[in-house]
Amino acid sequence: MSSHREAPEISKDPVADNTDVYAFVSPDKPDTVTLISNFVPLQDPPGGPNFYEFGDDVLYSIYVDNDGDGVPEISFVFRFETTLRDPNTFLYNTGPITSLDSPNWNKRQFYSVTRVDADDTTAFGTARNGHRIRARVLGEGLACPPCNIGPRSTPNYAALGQAAVHPLPGGVQVFAGQRNEGFYVDLGAIFDLGDLRPFQNLHLIPTPAAPGVDATKNLNIHTIAMQIPISQLTANGSRPKSASDGSAVIGVWSAASRRKVRVIDRGEDEDAKAGPWIQVSRLGNPLFNEVIVPLGQKDRWNALYPADDKQFAQFVQHPELARLLPVLYPGVFPHLAALSAPRADLVAILLTGLPSGIVPGFQNFTGPVLADQLRLNTAIPPTTSNPNRFGILGGDLAGFPNGRRVFDDVVSIELRAIAGVTFALVDRSFTPDAAAGELTEGLIPAPGRYQATFPYLAPALDGFDNPPS
């Protein structure tokens, strides 16, 4: 999956597992950017009696790098707190939940969001290199919606979700809570020796071709989403109008951190007795840690900032999957099998952004620092009529790898790129294999998976009508 259970240690810690990151110019508010980070993967809707939630002991961060150095200039930091109305009942709710302050809702979760203008989001207010870190609380005591239990417990769930969209100072909106999983993938096939059902008749171990199976369409996720004016994210505080303007490009990723040591002494402030925050999960581009980074280095990658990603460049230049495709599909990828040059195209897509001249009218280049980030050109307007889920490969400059929209088919896009379609952009002498441009899992998003307005992922599915698949 995009980054669900992608590393050995984080697979044991779902509330800190960063699964997908999205960054796009908001289609209904094009003077803003929407940033989304998802956590707590693979949620079956009937998850009671202890329904899914964020971790009170986890620090969640969304990062923005607006000068291309691989470290954040802006961070949005989220802390959560769970409260009980009645600790003497086992019930999540004691009747229908019809509002965010319903007395029937027993186990509620609230959060704060803080903007930090510095490269260290965990050292609030402390001096760094002679400068004081600027941290500003944008909101606190903000309510999450409940999980979607069923028609008796959450009878108008869409309204509960909408009520949990909170306005913040400066025209910012924020949401944190359960939503329908937006990432679609044939999980059962892709990890079965790289099987793609529409082409499995060509596989080394062949079976008849078949449609793809959307493994996540009946699952939920926990979402943190923000909608922020573009001028609050760019280095010079402007809203760039030209796609060629270097200041139009921002880098985005997200992370979760835990305390290294946590000792609580009654009567003392908890934070005063706690150790430093240690990053345990991060994500920028989809599938980077999942597919590019080797198994023995995944946990270490999760602990690093993107500025340290130069050490992983070899795995981008020579991805293992590019070697496996000609083996798994004999005779289908002869040109890919013969390709031994370092993959400059993948380095550009994943680590530096695309410079001007590669794709007409487009660039999202952030400079020579190799760093895994979603790179979004904020001057590219959103595609509001017939957007193409294949993004730039489908001729839609508003889609992945120009940031990432919730409906972009990132699995097919990255499969085609790794198979060699994009190498022809940097080496005109290379001819991609005919099959490379056709690779797909054979999926389209399930109906009702998204909505047209913030936070764009549809309301979570309920457990009564959506039993485990």
Protein backbone atom coordinates (compact mmCIF):
# COMPACT_ATOMS: atom_id res chain seq x y z
CA MET A 1 0.00 0.00 0.00
CA SER A 2 1.05 3.63 -0.22
CA SER A 3 2.79 3.45 3.14
CA HIS A 4 0.58 1.27 5.30
CA ARG A 5 2.61 -1.11 7.49
CA GLU A 6 5.65 -0.29 5.34
CA ALA A 7 8.42 -0.83 7.92
CA PRO A 8 8.91 -3.54 10.56
CA GLU A 9 8.71 -1.36 13.67
CA ILE A 10 5.95 1.03 12.64
CA SER A 11 3.73 -1.88 11.58
CA LYS A 12 3.47 -2.64 15.32
CA ASP A 13 2.37 0.92 16.14
CA PRO A 14 -0.71 1.79 14.01
CA VAL A 15 -1.64 5.08 15.73
CA ALA A 16 1.77 6.51 14.67
CA ASP A 17 1.80 4.87 11.22
CA ASN A 18 1.77 7.60 8.56
CA THR A 19 -0.05 6.10 5.57
CA ASP A 20 -0.67 8.74 2.88
CA VAL A 21 0.14 12.39 2.31
CA TYR A 22 -1.70 14.65 -0.14
CA ALA A 23 -0.91 18.21 -1.24
CA PHE A 24 -2.89 20.05 -3.91
CA VAL A 25 -4.28 23.45 -4.82
CA SER A 26 -7.85 23.34 -3.52
CA PRO A 27 -10.25 22.96 -6.48
CA ASP A 28 -13.05 24.93 -4.79
CA LYS A 29 -10.70 27.53 -3.18
CA PRO A 30 -7.80 27.95 -5.63
CA ASP A 31 -6.09 30.59 -3.49
CA THR A 32 -5.45 27.86 -0.89
CA VAL A 33 -3.52 24.62 -0.64
CA THR A 34 -4.95 21.51 1.03
CA LEU A 35 -2.55 19.34 3.02
CA ILE A 36 -3.72 15.92 4.23
CA SER A 37 -1.91 13.29 6.25
CA ASN A 38 -3.50 9.95 7.15
CA PHE A 39 -2.76 7.59 10.03
CA VAL A 40 -4.02 4.35 11.64
CA PRO A 41 -4.21 2.09 8.56
CA LEU A 42 -6.60 -0.65 7.47
CA GLN A 43 -9.57 0.17 9.70
CA ASP A 44 -12.48 -2.22 9.39
CA PRO A 45 -15.57 -0.09 10.06
CA PRO A 46 -16.97 -2.35 12.82
CA GLY A 47 -14.08 -1.55 15.17
CA GLY A 48 -15.78 -1.55 18.57
CA PRO A 49 -16.02 -1.44 21.45
CA ASN A 50 -12.70 0.43 21.42
CA PHE A 51 -13.04 2.36 18.21
CA TYR A 52 -10.07 3.77 16.31
CA GLU A 53 -8.50 7.06 17.39
CA PHE A 54 -5.36 9.18 17.28
CA GLY A 55 -2.69 8.61 19.93
CA ASP A 56 -2.67 10.97 22.89
CA ASP A 57 1.04 10.15 23.27
CA VAL A 58 1.96 10.83 19.63
CA LEU A 59 3.12 14.14 18.14
CA TYR A 60 1.74 14.50 14.60
CA SER A 61 3.43 16.97 12.22
CA ILE A 62 2.82 18.25 8.69
CA TYR A 63 5.92 19.91 7.24
CA VAL A 64 6.46 22.53 4.54
CA ASP A 65 9.89 23.17 2.98
CA ASN A 66 9.74 26.36 0.89
CA ASP A 67 13.45 26.91 0.18
CA GLY A 68 14.55 23.46 -1.05
CA ASP A 69 16.94 22.56 1.79
CA GLY A 70 15.17 19.35 2.84
CA VAL A 71 14.19 20.64 6.30
CA PRO A 72 10.94 22.40 7.19
CA GLU A 73 10.55 26.13 7.44
CA ILE A 74 6.92 25.68 8.53
CA SER A 75 5.41 22.89 10.60
CA PHE A 76 1.87 22.27 11.77
CA VAL A 77 1.92 20.22 14.96
CA PHE A 78 -1.06 18.31 16.37
CA ARG A 79 -1.55 16.99 19.92
CA PHE A 80 -4.60 14.94 20.93
CA GLU A 81 -6.39 14.37 24.23
CA THR A 82 -9.06 11.74 24.95
CA THR A 83 -11.73 12.33 27.59
CA LEU A 84 -14.42 10.14 29.17
CA ARG A 85 -17.80 11.38 30.36
CA ASP A 86 -18.42 8.18 32.33
CA PRO A 87 -15.48 5.86 33.06
CA ASN A 88 -17.83 3.31 34.64
CA THR A 89 -19.42 2.14 31.39
CA PHE A 90 -17.83 0.00 28.70
CA LEU A 91 -19.79 1.86 26.04
CA TYR A 92 -18.36 4.31 23.50
CA ASN A 93 -21.81 5.92 23.36
CA THR A 94 -24.96 5.44 25.42
CA GLY A 95 -27.43 6.60 22.77
CA PRO A 96 -27.51 8.36 19.40
CA ILE A 97 -24.72 10.89 18.84
CA THR A 98 -26.41 13.81 17.11
CA SER A 99 -23.86 16.56 17.76
CA LEU A 100 -20.22 16.96 18.77
CA ASP A 101 -21.31 17.83 22.33
CA SER A 102 -23.93 15.09 22.60
CA PRO A 103 -24.24 13.78 26.20
CA ASN A 104 -24.62 10.29 24.71
CA TRP A 105 -21.04 10.33 23.40
CA ASN A 106 -18.83 8.96 26.14
CA LYS A 107 -15.32 8.74 24.68
CA ARG A 108 -14.38 11.95 22.89
CA GLN A 109 -11.13 13.25 21.42
CA PHE A 110 -9.93 16.86 21.18
CA TYR A 111 -6.78 18.38 19.74
CA SER A 112 -4.63 21.45 19.39
CA VAL A 113 -2.79 22.66 16.31
CA THR A 114 0.33 24.82 16.51
CA ARG A 115 2.22 26.49 13.70
CA VAL A 116 6.00 26.40 14.19
CA ASP A 117 8.28 28.54 12.01
CA ALA A 118 11.57 26.68 12.44
CA ASP A 119 13.21 23.41 11.44
CA ASP A 120 12.52 21.67 14.78
CA THR A 121 8.88 21.21 15.72
CA THR A 122 9.60 19.51 19.04
CA ALA A 123 11.57 22.30 20.76
CA PHE A 124 8.77 24.80 21.26
CA GLY A 125 10.02 28.20 22.33
CA THR A 126 13.66 27.18 22.87
CA ALA A 127 16.63 28.94 21.36
CA ARG A 128 18.22 27.49 18.26
CA ASN A 129 21.34 28.95 16.67
CA GLY A 130 20.75 32.18 18.57
CA HIS A 131 17.18 32.53 17.35
CA ARG A 132 13.99 31.84 19.23
CA ILE A 133 11.65 29.40 17.56
CA ARG A 134 8.32 30.98 16.70
CA ALA A 135 5.41 28.78 17.78
CA ARG A 136 1.84 30.01 17.53
CA VAL A 137 -1.19 28.04 18.70
CA LEU A 138 -3.80 28.26 15.95
CA GLY A 139 -6.49 26.36 17.80
CA GLU A 140 -7.05 24.18 20.86
CA GLY A 141 -9.90 22.19 22.31
CA LEU A 142 -10.93 21.34 18.75
CA ALA A 143 -13.33 18.39 18.58
CA CYS A 144 -12.82 15.33 16.41
CA PRO A 145 -15.99 13.65 15.14
CA PRO A 146 -16.87 10.22 16.51
CA CYS A 147 -16.11 7.12 14.52
CA ASN A 148 -18.99 6.06 12.28
CA ILE A 149 -20.64 3.28 14.26
CA GLY A 150 -24.00 2.71 12.59
CA PRO A 151 -27.44 4.20 11.86
CA ARG A 152 -28.59 4.05 15.48
CA SER A 153 -25.46 5.45 17.11
CA THR A 154 -24.42 8.00 14.44
CA PRO A 155 -27.62 8.62 12.48
CA ASN A 156 -26.40 11.67 10.52
CA TYR A 157 -22.70 11.04 10.26
CA ALA A 158 -22.01 13.40 7.35
CA ALA A 159 -23.29 16.31 9.46
CA LEU A 160 -21.04 15.30 12.37
CA GLY A 161 -18.05 15.33 10.06
CA GLN A 162 -18.95 18.73 8.66
CA ALA A 163 -19.33 20.12 12.18
CA ALA A 164 -15.77 18.96 12.89
CA VAL A 165 -14.36 21.26 10.16
CA HIS A 166 -13.02 24.11 12.29
CA PRO A 167 -12.10 27.61 11.09
CA LEU A 168 -8.74 28.95 12.32
CA PRO A 169 -7.23 32.47 12.15
CA GLY A 170 -6.10 33.73 8.75
CA GLY A 171 -8.59 31.86 6.61
CA VAL A 172 -7.30 28.38 7.58
CA GLN A 173 -9.57 25.35 7.99
CA VAL A 174 -8.71 22.16 9.85
CA PHE A 175 -10.22 18.70 10.31
CA ALA A 176 -9.05 15.66 12.26
CA GLY A 177 -11.00 12.44 12.46
CA GLN A 178 -12.12 9.28 10.72
CA ARG A 179 -12.76 9.27 6.96
CA ASN A 180 -13.17 6.76 4.14
CA GLU A 181 -9.82 5.44 2.92
CA GLY A 182 -8.97 7.34 -0.26
CA PHE A 183 -6.05 5.21 -1.46
CA TYR A 184 -7.07 2.40 -3.79
CA VAL A 185 -4.87 -0.62 -4.46
CA ASP A 186 -5.09 -4.33 -5.29
CA LEU A 187 -3.20 -5.22 -2.15
CA GLY A 188 -3.75 -8.96 -2.39
CA ALA A 189 -2.27 -9.11 -5.89
CA ILE A 190 0.58 -6.60 -5.78
CA PHE A 191 2.40 -8.38 -2.95
CA ASP A 192 1.77 -11.78 -4.51
CA LEU A 193 5.01 -11.62 -6.52
CA GLY A 194 4.09 -8.37 -8.24
CA ASP A 195 0.93 -9.68 -9.84
CA LEU A 196 -1.17 -7.24 -11.88
CA ARG A 197 -4.45 -9.04 -12.52
CA PRO A 198 -5.17 -7.47 -15.96
CA PHE A 199 -1.78 -8.79 -17.14
CA GLN A 200 -1.37 -11.91 -15.01
CA ASN A 201 -1.66 -14.11 -18.10
CA LEU A 202 1.83 -12.75 -18.93
CA HIS A 203 3.22 -13.40 -15.43
CA LEU A 204 6.00 -15.91 -14.78
CA ILE A 205 3.34 -17.94 -12.92
CA PRO A 206 0.39 -17.24 -15.24
CA THR A 207 -3.33 -17.31 -14.58
CA PRO A 208 -6.11 -15.90 -16.77
CA ALA A 209 -6.31 -12.09 -16.91
CA ALA A 210 -8.91 -10.61 -14.54
CA PRO A 211 -10.14 -7.24 -13.28
CA GLY A 212 -8.36 -5.67 -10.34
CA VAL A 213 -9.73 -6.02 -6.82
CA ASP A 214 -9.93 -2.84 -4.72
CA ALA A 215 -8.73 -4.08 -1.33
CA THR A 216 -9.31 -0.81 0.54
CA LYS A 217 -12.70 0.38 -0.69
CA ASN A 218 -14.48 -0.80 2.47
CA LEU A 219 -11.88 0.51 4.92
CA ASN A 220 -11.49 3.72 6.91
CA ILE A 221 -8.52 5.87 7.94
CA HIS A 222 -7.82 8.68 10.41
CA THR A 223 -7.21 11.98 8.64
CA ILE A 224 -5.54 15.24 9.59
CA ALA A 225 -6.37 17.90 6.98
CA MET A 226 -5.64 21.60 6.64
CA GLN A 227 -6.65 24.16 4.03
CA ILE A 228 -4.25 27.11 4.07
CA PRO A 229 -3.90 30.26 1.93
CA ILE A 230 -0.98 29.85 -0.49
CA SER A 231 0.57 33.12 0.66
CA GLN A 232 1.02 31.64 4.15
CA LEU A 233 3.20 28.82 2.80
CA THR A 234 5.53 30.38 0.21
CA ALA A 235 8.95 31.71 1.18
CA ASN A 236 8.19 35.30 0.16
CA GLY A 237 4.60 35.37 1.39
CA SER A 238 3.15 35.74 -2.12
CA ARG A 239 0.67 33.83 -4.21
CA PRO A 240 2.77 33.13 -7.34
CA LYS A 241 1.01 33.40 -10.70
CA SER A 242 3.63 31.89 -13.02
CA ALA A 243 4.46 28.18 -13.04
CA SER A 244 8.07 29.06 -13.85
CA ASP A 245 8.43 31.05 -10.62
CA GLY A 246 10.70 29.11 -8.27
CA SER A 247 8.92 30.53 -5.23
CA ALA A 248 5.73 28.78 -6.37
CA VAL A 249 7.08 25.34 -5.39
CA ILE A 250 6.75 23.95 -1.88
CA GLY A 251 7.84 20.57 -0.52
CA VAL A 252 5.46 18.69 1.78
CA TRP A 253 5.75 15.63 4.00
CA SER A 254 4.39 14.44 7.31
CA ALA A 255 5.65 12.56 10.35
CA ALA A 256 4.76 11.11 13.74
CA SER A 257 6.98 11.19 16.82
CA ARG A 258 7.02 9.52 20.22
CA ARG A 259 8.80 10.31 23.48
CA LYS A 260 12.14 8.54 23.80
CA VAL A 261 11.63 8.24 27.56
CA ARG A 262 8.40 8.95 29.40
CA VAL A 263 8.41 9.20 33.20
CA ILE A 264 5.40 10.63 35.00
CA ASP A 265 5.78 11.92 38.56
CA ARG A 266 2.52 12.88 40.23
CA GLY A 267 2.45 16.53 41.07
CA GLU A 268 4.87 17.58 38.34
CA ASP A 269 4.21 18.73 34.82
CA GLU A 270 4.23 15.70 32.53
CA ASP A 271 6.32 17.37 29.83
CA ALA A 272 8.93 18.30 32.46
CA LYS A 273 9.50 14.60 33.18
CA ALA A 274 9.42 13.40 29.57
CA GLY A 275 12.31 12.74 27.23
CA PRO A 276 12.79 14.18 23.73
CA TRP A 277 10.44 13.48 20.85
CA ILE A 278 11.81 10.91 18.40
CA GLN A 279 10.42 10.58 14.88
CA VAL A 280 9.10 7.07 14.25
CA SER A 281 7.26 7.47 10.93
CA ARG A 282 7.34 9.83 7.95
CA LEU A 283 5.99 10.00 4.42
CA GLY A 284 6.30 12.24 1.39
CA ASN A 285 5.98 10.52 -1.97
CA PRO A 286 3.69 7.48 -2.01
CA LEU A 287 5.39 4.09 -1.97
CA PHE A 288 8.89 5.51 -1.36
CA ASN A 289 9.65 3.59 1.82
CA GLU A 290 7.30 0.81 0.79
CA VAL A 291 8.95 -0.08 -2.53
CA ILE A 292 12.22 1.86 -2.90
CA VAL A 293 13.96 1.51 0.48
CA PRO A 294 15.26 -2.01 1.27
CA LEU A 295 13.84 -3.89 4.24
CA GLY A 296 16.92 -3.56 6.42
CA GLN A 297 16.89 0.25 6.21
CA LYS A 298 13.17 1.06 6.43
CA ASP A 299 13.12 1.78 10.17
CA ARG A 300 16.15 4.08 9.90
CA TRP A 301 14.58 5.93 6.95
CA ASN A 302 11.47 6.57 9.05
CA ALA A 303 13.60 8.33 11.70
CA LEU A 304 15.33 10.80 9.34
CA TYR A 305 14.51 14.18 7.83
CA PRO A 306 14.36 14.34 4.01
CA ALA A 307 17.61 16.33 4.05
CA ASP A 308 19.37 13.03 4.81
CA ASP A 309 17.94 11.15 1.81
CA LYS A 310 21.08 11.38 -0.34
CA GLN A 311 22.17 8.09 1.22
CA PHE A 312 19.11 6.38 -0.32
CA ALA A 313 19.63 7.81 -3.83
CA GLN A 314 21.22 4.56 -5.05
CA PHE A 315 17.91 2.76 -4.53
CA VAL A 316 16.10 5.40 -6.59
CA GLN A 317 18.71 5.31 -9.36
CA HIS A 318 18.59 1.50 -9.53
CA PRO A 319 15.19 0.43 -8.12
CA GLU A 320 14.75 -3.24 -7.34
CA LEU A 321 11.30 -3.33 -8.92
CA ALA A 322 12.75 -2.26 -12.29
CA ARG A 323 14.93 -5.37 -12.19
CA LEU A 324 12.06 -7.60 -11.10
CA LEU A 325 9.51 -6.61 -13.75
CA PRO A 326 11.38 -8.26 -16.67
CA VAL A 327 11.80 -11.41 -14.55
CA LEU A 328 8.18 -11.58 -13.40
CA TYR A 329 6.85 -10.82 -16.92
CA PRO A 330 9.22 -12.69 -19.26
CA GLY A 331 9.68 -11.11 -22.67
CA VAL A 332 7.37 -8.18 -21.89
CA PHE A 333 10.03 -5.62 -20.87
CA PRO A 334 13.15 -6.21 -23.03
CA HIS A 335 14.10 -2.51 -23.17
CA LEU A 336 13.76 -2.15 -19.41
CA ALA A 337 15.86 -5.28 -18.90
CA ALA A 338 18.65 -3.76 -20.98
CA LEU A 339 18.53 -0.41 -19.17
CA SER A 340 21.53 -0.09 -16.85
CA ALA A 341 21.93 3.71 -16.63
CA PRO A 342 21.09 5.43 -13.34
CA ARG A 343 17.45 6.48 -13.33
CA ALA A 344 17.75 10.26 -13.53
CA ASP A 345 14.02 10.43 -14.22
CA LEU A 346 13.13 8.83 -10.89
CA VAL A 347 15.61 11.02 -9.04
CA ALA A 348 13.84 14.06 -10.51
CA ILE A 349 10.35 12.78 -9.75
CA LEU A 350 11.07 11.69 -6.18
CA LEU A 351 14.09 13.61 -4.90
CA THR A 352 14.54 16.99 -6.63
CA GLY A 353 11.40 17.78 -8.60
CA LEU A 354 11.22 18.19 -12.36
CA PRO A 355 13.21 21.12 -13.79
CA SER A 356 11.85 23.30 -16.57
CA GLY A 357 12.10 21.81 -20.04
CA ILE A 358 11.20 18.21 -19.18
CA VAL A 359 7.41 18.63 -19.35
CA PRO A 360 6.18 21.63 -21.37
CA GLY A 361 4.73 24.36 -19.17
CA PHE A 362 5.68 22.66 -15.93
CA GLN A 363 8.35 22.51 -13.25
CA ASN A 364 8.42 21.66 -9.56
CA PHE A 365 12.18 21.75 -9.07
CA THR A 366 13.43 22.61 -5.58
CA GLY A 367 17.18 22.46 -6.19
CA PRO A 368 20.03 19.99 -5.83
CA VAL A 369 19.26 18.70 -2.32
CA LEU A 370 18.02 15.11 -2.66
CA ALA A 371 14.96 14.81 -0.44
CA ASP A 372 11.79 12.73 -0.56
CA GLN A 373 8.92 15.24 -0.56
CA LEU A 374 5.72 15.89 -2.43
CA ARG A 375 6.61 18.94 -4.53
CA LEU A 376 3.68 21.14 -5.39
CA ASN A 377 3.76 24.04 -7.86
CA THR A 378 1.13 26.30 -6.32
CA ALA A 379 0.86 28.40 -9.50
CA ILE A 380 -0.57 25.47 -11.49
CA PRO A 381 -4.36 25.90 -11.25
CA PRO A 382 -6.50 22.93 -10.20
CA THR A 383 -8.16 20.91 -12.92
CA THR A 384 -11.85 21.23 -12.15
CA SER A 385 -13.28 19.69 -15.31
CA ASN A 386 -12.47 16.04 -16.07
CA PRO A 387 -9.23 15.71 -14.07
CA ASN A 388 -7.08 12.79 -15.19
CA ARG A 389 -6.24 10.33 -12.42
CA PHE A 390 -2.91 9.57 -14.12
CA GLY A 391 -1.77 13.12 -13.37
CA ILE A 392 1.10 14.46 -15.43
CA LEU A 393 1.42 11.15 -17.32
CA GLY A 394 -2.19 11.71 -18.41
CA GLY A 395 -1.54 15.30 -19.46
CA ASP A 396 -3.01 16.81 -16.28
CA LEU A 397 -0.38 19.11 -14.75
CA ALA A 398 -2.37 19.53 -11.53
CA GLY A 399 -1.89 15.87 -10.58
CA PHE A 400 0.86 13.63 -9.22
CA PRO A 401 3.82 14.08 -9.17
CA ASN A 402 2.80 17.75 -8.95
CA GLY A 403 1.79 17.24 -5.33
CA ARG A 404 -0.86 14.55 -5.01
CA ARG A 405 -4.66 14.68 -5.17
CA VAL A 406 -6.84 12.24 -3.24
CA PHE A 407 -7.98 10.40 -6.39
CA ASP A 408 -4.66 10.20 -8.27
CA ASP A 409 -3.81 6.62 -9.32
CA VAL A 410 -0.35 6.74 -7.80
CA VAL A 411 0.25 2.98 -8.03
CA SER A 412 -0.25 2.93 -11.80
CA ILE A 413 1.69 6.18 -12.28
CA GLU A 414 4.70 4.92 -10.34
CA LEU A 415 4.55 1.48 -11.98
CA ARG A 416 4.70 3.13 -15.41
CA ALA A 417 7.54 5.41 -14.33
CA ILE A 418 9.60 2.56 -12.90
CA ALA A 419 8.91 0.51 -16.05
CA GLY A 420 10.66 3.23 -18.10
CA VAL A 421 7.97 5.54 -19.49
CA THR A 422 9.55 8.61 -17.87
CA PHE A 423 13.17 7.68 -18.67
CA ALA A 424 12.48 8.67 -22.28
CA LEU A 425 11.96 12.24 -21.03
CA VAL A 426 15.60 12.50 -19.93
CA ASP A 427 17.15 10.19 -22.56
CA ARG A 428 15.54 10.63 -25.97
CA SER A 429 17.41 7.58 -27.30
CA PHE A 430 15.50 5.25 -24.99
CA THR A 431 12.29 3.65 -26.25
CA PRO A 432 9.99 2.41 -23.49
CA ASP A 433 8.52 -1.05 -23.85
CA ALA A 434 5.00 -1.01 -25.26
CA ALA A 435 3.61 -2.53 -22.06
CA ALA A 436 5.19 0.12 -19.82
CA GLY A 437 2.62 2.77 -20.68
CA GLU A 438 -0.27 0.36 -20.11
CA LEU A 439 0.61 -0.91 -16.65
CA THR A 440 -2.28 -0.66 -14.23
CA GLU A 441 -3.97 -2.61 -11.48
CA GLY A 442 -7.20 -2.20 -13.40
CA LEU A 443 -8.87 -0.07 -10.72
CA ILE A 444 -10.88 3.11 -10.64
CA PRO A 445 -11.97 4.71 -7.35
CA ALA A 446 -15.15 3.32 -5.86
CA PRO A 447 -18.18 5.63 -6.15
CA GLY A 448 -18.67 7.96 -3.21
CA ARG A 449 -15.07 7.71 -2.07
CA TYR A 450 -14.44 11.45 -2.25
CA GLN A 451 -16.33 14.70 -1.85
CA ALA A 452 -15.99 17.99 -3.73
CA THR A 453 -15.19 20.12 -0.69
CA PHE A 454 -12.77 20.08 2.23
CA PRO A 455 -11.59 17.65 3.57
CA TYR A 456 -12.22 15.91 0.20
CA LEU A 457 -12.11 12.36 1.58
CA ALA A 458 -15.68 11.12 2.04
CA PRO A 459 -17.21 10.42 5.46
CA ALA A 460 -16.14 7.18 7.08
CA LEU A 461 -18.08 4.00 6.38
CA ASP A 462 -20.17 2.68 9.27
CA GLY A 463 -19.74 -0.71 10.88
CA PHE A 464 -23.40 -1.76 10.64
CA ASP A 465 -23.65 -1.58 6.84
CA ASN A 466 -20.02 -2.43 6.08
CA PRO A 467 -18.98 -5.67 7.79
CA PRO A 468 -15.39 -6.85 7.28
CA SER A 469 -14.67 -7.89 3.71
